Structures are given as structure tokens and as C-alpha cells.
């Protein structure tokens, strides 16, 4: 009888613990997604096609189609769009690469200058792309007899969509993910060597950018192709970089020097863009009111 009572006591204290452990294990298994997708679509010998490269190219291809519809709506020549596309392509690649080099890894590239142009090795920064695009479009506006804000208001529509494609590419590369989470949609990025579920911040950003794109395109057509000058650009800056600023709290630092910073490099670089967007929206609103009066 004593042995039975001892066994009962052990079961009474140990069984709930065992049940709790099993439930937690099952919950952790069910409440996470194992992400083990190859970044390669296919490879033939030394030639390979990656998801990131395909999605990056799609951002330009789909963006061109959308801009072509916009240009046709405003009875503008297709040759002008081809010129704009060339400015955008060069500005995006060069700006994004130099942004990564100078904002994040200058300590390395200052001693390996020959690798700065090796874009295929990875390393692109969205803030650098933004600076490159803003600079290139200024020169485009000067040579195309279009105002700077006319150009920006239309190009940001497809830039927001490009952000969706690029962040999806980051997901396929298992990079730029977030911190550990116990939320049911946490991703275990196996190819990055992770064993715990983490915030899929690439998906968060991609969906936010897609939402911004949908609004910008809707607003453009809602205003019959003649939105208030500067509004779309200002709205884009405020919303996109606010999203970037907030989601950075969920991300792991990209570089070691960011670990000791209260706000990381991405957040610090986002603040000027947000402030510029707010200034443009309210400044242009005042100017338009004076014109109407």
C-alpha cells in the first residue's frame, strides 16, 4: 500500500509537469513555421538564378507596365518613360550599393575598395537607394521639362511596389529577419542556422509596402491622374519610413556596431525622410491654398 501511495504521489506531482511539458512542446511545434526554402530557383553549372534576382527584376518589369499606363493616361511619349526607367535603374542599384557600403560596412570596404562594385556578393541598403533615386530624378526633371514633384509623385507608386518585391526576396534569402518570438506565425530560418522561431519582418514590411502601393495607385486614379502636387511623395515618405522605423524594433541588428545603439542605423536614417515627408505635405498644402485663393 505504501508503495502504491508513493507511486500516486509521484504521479500526482510529476504528471501535471509532464502534461505541461508536452503541451508546450506541441504548441511550440504548431506555433512556428519551419522556413527552409532554397534561395536558388535553379542552377546549371556555374550559372544560377536566384529568387532575389528574379524578384528584383520583376519590380522593374511590373513597375514599367504600371508607369506606362500612367504615361498613356497623361498622353506622354513612351520615349520619356524609357529615359526615366534608365535613370531609375542606375540610381537604384548604385545608390543601394553605396548606401550599404558607407552606412553599414565602410570599415570593411575602406580596405577592400575593389569589392564595392561586386553587387552580386550582396549588400544593398534601401536608404541609399532612396538617396540615389532622389538625386537622379532631380536631373531627370531638369532635362524632361517636368517638375521635380510631378516626377516624384508618380515614381513613388512603383517604388512602393518594388519594396514589396525586394522584401519578398529577402524572405527567400532567409535574411533581415526579426527577434525571437512565441507568436504562432514565427519563422524558424533553418538556412540561416536558426533553431528558434523569429519575427518574419520581411513579410511585415512587404505587406505594409504593398498596402502603401495600393493606396497611392488608388489615390492617383481617384484624382483622375492629377493629384495635388507633392502629396503622393510626402505620403510615401511618411508612411514607408515610419513602417521601417517601427519594424526595426523587431529586427536583429544587421551589423555589430548597432548593438550598442538606442536606435539602429535604419531608424536614424528613416527620421529625416519622415520629417521631410511631413514638411512637403503641409508646405504644399499651404501653397495650393494660396493658389486657390
Protein backbone atom coordinates (compact mmCIF):
# COMPACT_ATOMS: atom_id res chain seq x y z
CA UNK A 1 0.00 0.00 0.00
CA UNK A 2 2.83 2.37 0.89
CA UNK A 3 4.45 1.73 -2.48
CA UNK A 4 1.17 2.47 -4.21
CA UNK A 5 0.77 5.72 -2.26
CA UNK A 6 4.33 6.77 -3.12
CA UNK A 7 3.70 6.00 -6.76
CA UNK A 8 0.47 8.01 -6.62
CA UNK A 9 2.30 10.95 -5.02
CA UNK A 10 4.96 10.91 -7.71
CA UNK A 11 2.34 10.75 -10.46
CA UNK A 12 0.32 13.49 -8.82
CA UNK A 13 3.27 15.88 -8.82
CA UNK A 14 5.03 14.67 -11.95
CA UNK A 15 2.12 14.03 -14.30
CA UNK A 16 0.97 17.67 -14.47
CA UNK A 17 4.56 18.69 -15.14
CA UNK A 18 4.80 16.09 -17.91
CA UNK A 19 1.50 17.24 -19.43
CA UNK A 20 2.66 20.87 -19.30
CA UNK A 21 5.94 19.98 -20.96
CA UNK A 22 4.21 18.01 -23.74
CA UNK A 23 1.64 20.74 -24.35
CA UNK A 24 4.33 23.41 -24.52
CA UNK A 25 6.39 21.29 -26.91
CA UNK A 26 3.39 20.67 -29.17
CA UNK A 27 2.42 24.34 -29.01
CA UNK A 28 5.93 25.46 -29.98
CA UNK A 29 5.89 22.98 -32.86
CA UNK A 30 2.46 24.06 -34.10
CA UNK A 31 3.06 27.75 -33.44
CA UNK A 32 6.04 28.16 -35.72
CA UNK A 33 6.83 27.74 -39.39
CA UNK A 34 9.99 25.99 -40.46
CA UNK A 35 11.43 28.02 -43.35
CA UNK A 36 13.93 26.02 -45.34
CA UNK A 37 13.40 27.37 -48.86
CA UNK A 38 16.40 27.48 -51.17
CA UNK A 39 17.34 30.96 -52.42
CA UNK A 40 18.16 29.35 -55.78
CA UNK A 41 15.44 28.72 -58.34
CA UNK A 42 17.75 26.57 -60.45
CA UNK A 43 21.40 26.31 -61.42
CA UNK A 44 23.20 24.93 -64.47
CA UNK A 45 26.90 24.56 -63.83
CA UNK A 46 28.20 27.90 -62.59
CA UNK A 47 25.08 29.71 -63.83
CA UNK A 48 22.26 30.12 -61.33
CA UNK A 49 19.04 32.07 -60.99
CA UNK A 50 18.08 33.28 -57.52
CA UNK A 51 14.69 34.29 -56.20
CA UNK A 52 16.07 37.65 -55.06
CA UNK A 53 17.38 38.49 -58.51
CA UNK A 54 14.13 37.44 -60.17
CA UNK A 55 12.00 39.49 -57.77
CA UNK A 56 14.33 42.48 -58.14
CA UNK A 57 13.92 42.27 -61.93
CA UNK A 58 10.15 41.87 -61.56
CA UNK A 59 9.99 45.11 -59.59
CA UNK A 60 11.30 46.95 -62.64
CA UNK A 61 9.23 44.98 -65.17
CA UNK A 62 5.91 45.38 -63.34
CA UNK A 63 6.80 48.96 -62.41
CA UNK A 64 7.40 49.76 -66.07
CA UNK A 65 3.98 48.40 -67.05
CA UNK A 66 2.24 50.49 -64.39
CA UNK A 67 4.16 53.63 -65.33
CA UNK A 68 3.34 53.02 -69.00
CA UNK A 69 -0.37 53.11 -68.14
CA UNK A 70 0.17 56.33 -66.19
CA UNK A 71 2.07 57.94 -69.07
CA UNK A 72 -0.60 56.92 -71.56
CA UNK A 73 -3.30 58.33 -69.32
CA UNK A 74 -1.50 61.68 -69.38
CA UNK A 75 -0.71 61.42 -73.12
CA UNK A 76 3.05 61.37 -72.58
CA UNK A 77 5.51 59.75 -75.01
CA UNK A 78 6.84 56.29 -74.24
CA UNK A 79 10.36 57.51 -75.01
CA UNK A 80 10.17 59.73 -71.92
CA UNK A 81 9.33 56.68 -69.81
CA UNK A 82 12.28 54.77 -71.26
CA UNK A 83 14.54 57.63 -70.23
CA UNK A 84 13.01 57.68 -66.73
CA UNK A 85 13.43 53.91 -66.39
CA UNK A 86 17.13 54.15 -67.22
CA UNK A 87 17.61 56.86 -64.57
CA UNK A 88 15.75 54.70 -62.04
CA UNK A 89 17.65 51.51 -62.77
CA UNK A 90 21.08 53.10 -62.43
CA UNK A 91 20.11 55.20 -59.40
CA UNK A 92 18.58 52.25 -57.53
CA UNK A 93 21.49 49.86 -57.98
CA UNK A 94 24.27 52.42 -57.46
CA UNK A 95 22.51 54.20 -54.59
CA UNK A 96 21.57 50.99 -52.76
CA UNK A 97 25.09 49.61 -53.08
CA UNK A 98 26.86 52.78 -51.97
CA UNK A 99 24.37 53.15 -49.12
CA UNK A 100 25.28 49.72 -47.79
CA UNK A 101 28.99 50.40 -48.23
CA UNK A 102 29.05 53.77 -46.45
CA UNK A 103 26.24 53.37 -43.90
CA UNK A 104 26.87 49.80 -42.76
CA UNK A 105 30.26 48.36 -43.76
CA UNK A 106 32.66 51.18 -44.53
CA UNK A 107 35.14 49.68 -42.06
CA UNK A 108 35.43 46.66 -44.35
CA UNK A 109 35.15 48.26 -47.78
CA UNK A 110 37.60 51.03 -46.95
CA UNK A 111 40.23 48.27 -47.07
CA UNK A 112 38.62 46.39 -49.99
CA UNK A 113 37.74 49.12 -52.48
CA UNK A 114 37.81 46.66 -55.37
CA UNK A 115 34.77 44.85 -53.90
CA UNK A 116 32.49 47.89 -53.79
CA UNK A 117 31.18 47.19 -57.30
CA UNK A 118 30.62 43.47 -56.60
CA UNK A 119 26.86 43.79 -56.14
CA UNK A 120 26.35 40.07 -56.75
CA UNK A 121 28.01 39.34 -53.40
CA UNK A 122 25.11 41.02 -51.60
CA UNK A 123 24.74 44.23 -49.67
CA UNK A 124 22.09 46.77 -50.69
CA UNK A 125 20.56 49.48 -48.49
CA UNK A 126 17.09 50.91 -49.10
CA UNK A 127 18.06 54.31 -47.67
CA UNK A 128 20.95 54.51 -50.12
CA UNK A 129 18.56 53.61 -52.96
CA UNK A 130 16.24 56.42 -51.82
CA UNK A 131 19.04 58.97 -51.89
CA UNK A 132 20.20 57.75 -55.29
CA UNK A 133 16.67 57.93 -56.74
CA UNK A 134 16.02 61.41 -55.35
CA UNK A 135 19.27 62.65 -56.88
CA UNK A 136 18.73 61.01 -60.27
CA UNK A 137 15.13 62.21 -60.57
CA UNK A 138 16.23 65.78 -59.94
CA UNK A 139 18.41 65.62 -63.06
CA UNK A 140 15.65 63.82 -64.96
CA UNK A 141 13.19 66.60 -64.13
CA UNK A 142 15.68 69.21 -65.31
CA UNK A 143 16.04 67.59 -68.72
CA UNK A 144 12.43 66.44 -69.28
CA UNK A 145 10.56 69.72 -68.75
CA UNK A 146 8.64 68.19 -65.85
CA UNK A 147 8.62 69.49 -62.29
CA UNK A 148 10.54 67.58 -59.66
CA UNK A 149 7.42 66.81 -57.62
CA UNK A 150 5.44 65.74 -60.70
CA UNK A 151 8.11 63.09 -61.29
CA UNK A 152 8.34 62.03 -57.64
CA UNK A 153 4.57 61.77 -57.18
CA UNK A 154 4.34 59.19 -59.92
CA UNK A 155 7.52 57.23 -59.41
CA UNK A 156 6.85 56.53 -55.71
CA UNK A 157 3.81 54.49 -56.72
CA UNK A 158 6.02 51.83 -58.29
CA UNK A 159 8.82 52.29 -55.75
CA UNK A 160 6.42 51.16 -53.01
CA UNK A 161 5.62 48.06 -55.08
CA UNK A 162 9.34 47.46 -55.57
CA UNK A 163 9.72 47.44 -51.79
CA UNK A 164 7.20 44.59 -51.67
CA UNK A 165 9.18 42.55 -54.22
CA UNK A 166 12.54 43.21 -52.58
CA UNK A 167 11.42 42.27 -49.07
CA UNK A 168 9.93 39.09 -50.51
CA UNK A 169 13.36 38.43 -51.98
CA UNK A 170 14.88 38.93 -48.53
CA UNK A 171 12.48 36.28 -47.22
CA UNK A 172 13.61 33.83 -49.91
CA UNK A 173 17.21 34.55 -48.88
CA UNK A 174 16.37 33.97 -45.18
CA UNK A 175 17.87 37.36 -44.28
CA UNK A 176 16.89 40.56 -42.42
CA UNK A 177 14.60 38.66 -40.06
CA UNK A 178 13.45 39.64 -36.60
CA UNK A 179 13.98 38.71 -33.00
CA UNK A 180 12.83 35.52 -31.28
CA UNK A 181 9.06 35.32 -30.82
CA UNK A 182 6.46 32.89 -29.47
CA UNK A 183 3.74 34.18 -31.78
CA UNK A 184 2.08 31.48 -33.91
CA UNK A 185 3.50 32.86 -37.17
CA UNK A 186 7.14 32.84 -36.09
CA UNK A 187 9.57 31.50 -38.70
CA UNK A 188 12.49 29.20 -37.99
CA UNK A 189 15.06 30.22 -40.60
CA UNK A 190 16.87 26.91 -40.95
CA UNK A 191 19.25 28.04 -43.70
CA UNK A 192 20.42 30.92 -41.51
CA UNK A 193 21.27 28.46 -38.74
CA UNK A 194 18.35 29.45 -36.52
CA UNK A 195 16.59 26.96 -34.24
CA UNK A 196 14.03 29.27 -32.61
CA UNK A 197 11.04 30.98 -34.26
CA UNK A 198 11.61 34.62 -35.16
CA UNK A 199 9.53 37.50 -36.42
CA UNK A 200 9.25 37.27 -40.23
CA UNK A 201 9.83 41.01 -40.53
CA UNK A 202 10.35 40.64 -44.27
CA UNK A 203 6.66 39.68 -44.55
CA UNK A 204 5.58 42.50 -42.23
CA UNK A 205 7.40 45.06 -44.38
CA UNK A 206 6.33 43.50 -47.68
CA UNK A 207 2.64 43.66 -46.74
CA UNK A 208 2.96 47.24 -45.48
CA UNK A 209 4.67 48.34 -48.69
CA UNK A 210 2.03 46.56 -50.77
CA UNK A 211 -0.68 48.44 -48.84
CA UNK A 212 1.09 51.75 -49.46
CA UNK A 213 1.32 50.93 -53.18
CA UNK A 214 -2.40 50.12 -53.37
CA UNK A 215 -3.33 53.41 -51.69
CA UNK A 216 -1.00 55.51 -53.87
CA UNK A 217 -2.30 53.93 -57.07
CA UNK A 218 -5.90 54.26 -55.93
CA UNK A 219 -5.41 57.93 -54.97
CA UNK A 220 -3.76 58.72 -58.31
CA UNK A 221 -6.74 57.37 -60.26
CA UNK A 222 -9.21 58.75 -57.74
CA UNK A 223 -7.83 62.21 -58.60
CA UNK A 224 -8.07 61.32 -62.32
CA UNK A 225 -4.32 61.40 -62.81
CA UNK A 226 -3.93 64.87 -61.32
CA UNK A 227 -3.18 64.53 -57.60
CA UNK A 228 -2.23 67.55 -55.55
CA UNK A 229 1.45 68.11 -56.29
CA UNK A 230 3.73 66.70 -53.63
CA UNK A 231 1.05 64.81 -51.71
CA UNK A 232 1.81 61.31 -53.01
CA UNK A 233 5.54 61.79 -52.49
CA UNK A 234 5.08 63.21 -48.99
CA UNK A 235 2.63 60.46 -48.02
CA UNK A 236 5.06 57.84 -49.34
CA UNK A 237 7.96 59.21 -47.27
CA UNK A 238 5.94 59.42 -44.05
CA UNK A 239 4.26 56.00 -44.27
CA UNK A 240 7.06 53.89 -45.73
CA UNK A 241 9.80 55.17 -43.45
CA UNK A 242 7.51 55.13 -40.41
CA UNK A 243 6.91 51.45 -41.11
CA UNK A 244 10.64 50.95 -41.44
CA UNK A 245 11.31 52.83 -38.19
CA UNK A 246 8.77 50.83 -36.16
CA UNK A 247 9.68 47.41 -37.53
CA UNK A 248 13.36 47.97 -36.80
CA UNK A 249 12.49 47.40 -33.11
CA UNK A 250 11.62 43.81 -34.04
CA UNK A 251 14.75 43.16 -36.11
CA UNK A 252 18.12 41.83 -35.15
CA UNK A 253 20.95 44.35 -35.71
CA UNK A 254 22.46 43.97 -39.19
CA UNK A 255 25.92 44.98 -38.03
CA UNK A 256 27.75 44.61 -34.70
CA UNK A 257 28.17 48.36 -34.17
CA UNK A 258 24.36 48.73 -33.96
CA UNK A 259 24.05 46.53 -30.87
CA UNK A 260 25.07 49.36 -28.53
CA UNK A 261 22.80 51.96 -30.18
CA UNK A 262 19.44 53.05 -28.75
CA UNK A 263 18.20 53.50 -32.32
CA UNK A 264 19.87 51.49 -35.05
CA UNK A 265 21.20 52.88 -38.33
CA UNK A 266 17.99 52.11 -40.22
CA UNK A 267 15.94 54.10 -37.72
CA UNK A 268 18.32 57.05 -37.64
CA UNK A 269 18.28 57.22 -41.43
CA UNK A 270 14.47 56.98 -41.51
CA UNK A 271 13.83 60.04 -39.31
CA UNK A 272 14.95 62.68 -41.88
CA UNK A 273 12.75 61.09 -44.55
CA UNK A 274 9.70 61.12 -42.24
CA UNK A 275 10.26 64.76 -41.32
CA UNK A 276 10.80 65.69 -44.97
CA UNK A 277 7.54 63.96 -45.91
CA UNK A 278 5.57 65.85 -43.26
CA UNK A 279 7.13 69.14 -44.35
CA UNK A 280 6.29 68.51 -48.01
CA UNK A 281 2.66 67.58 -47.28
CA UNK A 282 1.92 70.64 -45.15
CA UNK A 283 4.09 73.03 -47.17
CA UNK A 284 2.49 72.04 -50.45
CA UNK A 285 -0.95 72.21 -48.87
CA UNK A 286 -0.37 75.84 -47.87
CA UNK A 287 0.98 76.71 -51.33
CA UNK A 288 -2.01 75.13 -53.04
CA UNK A 289 -4.44 77.00 -50.77
CA UNK A 290 -2.79 80.31 -51.68
CA UNK A 291 -3.09 79.46 -55.38
CA UNK A 292 -6.77 78.57 -54.97
CA UNK A 293 -7.42 81.81 -53.09
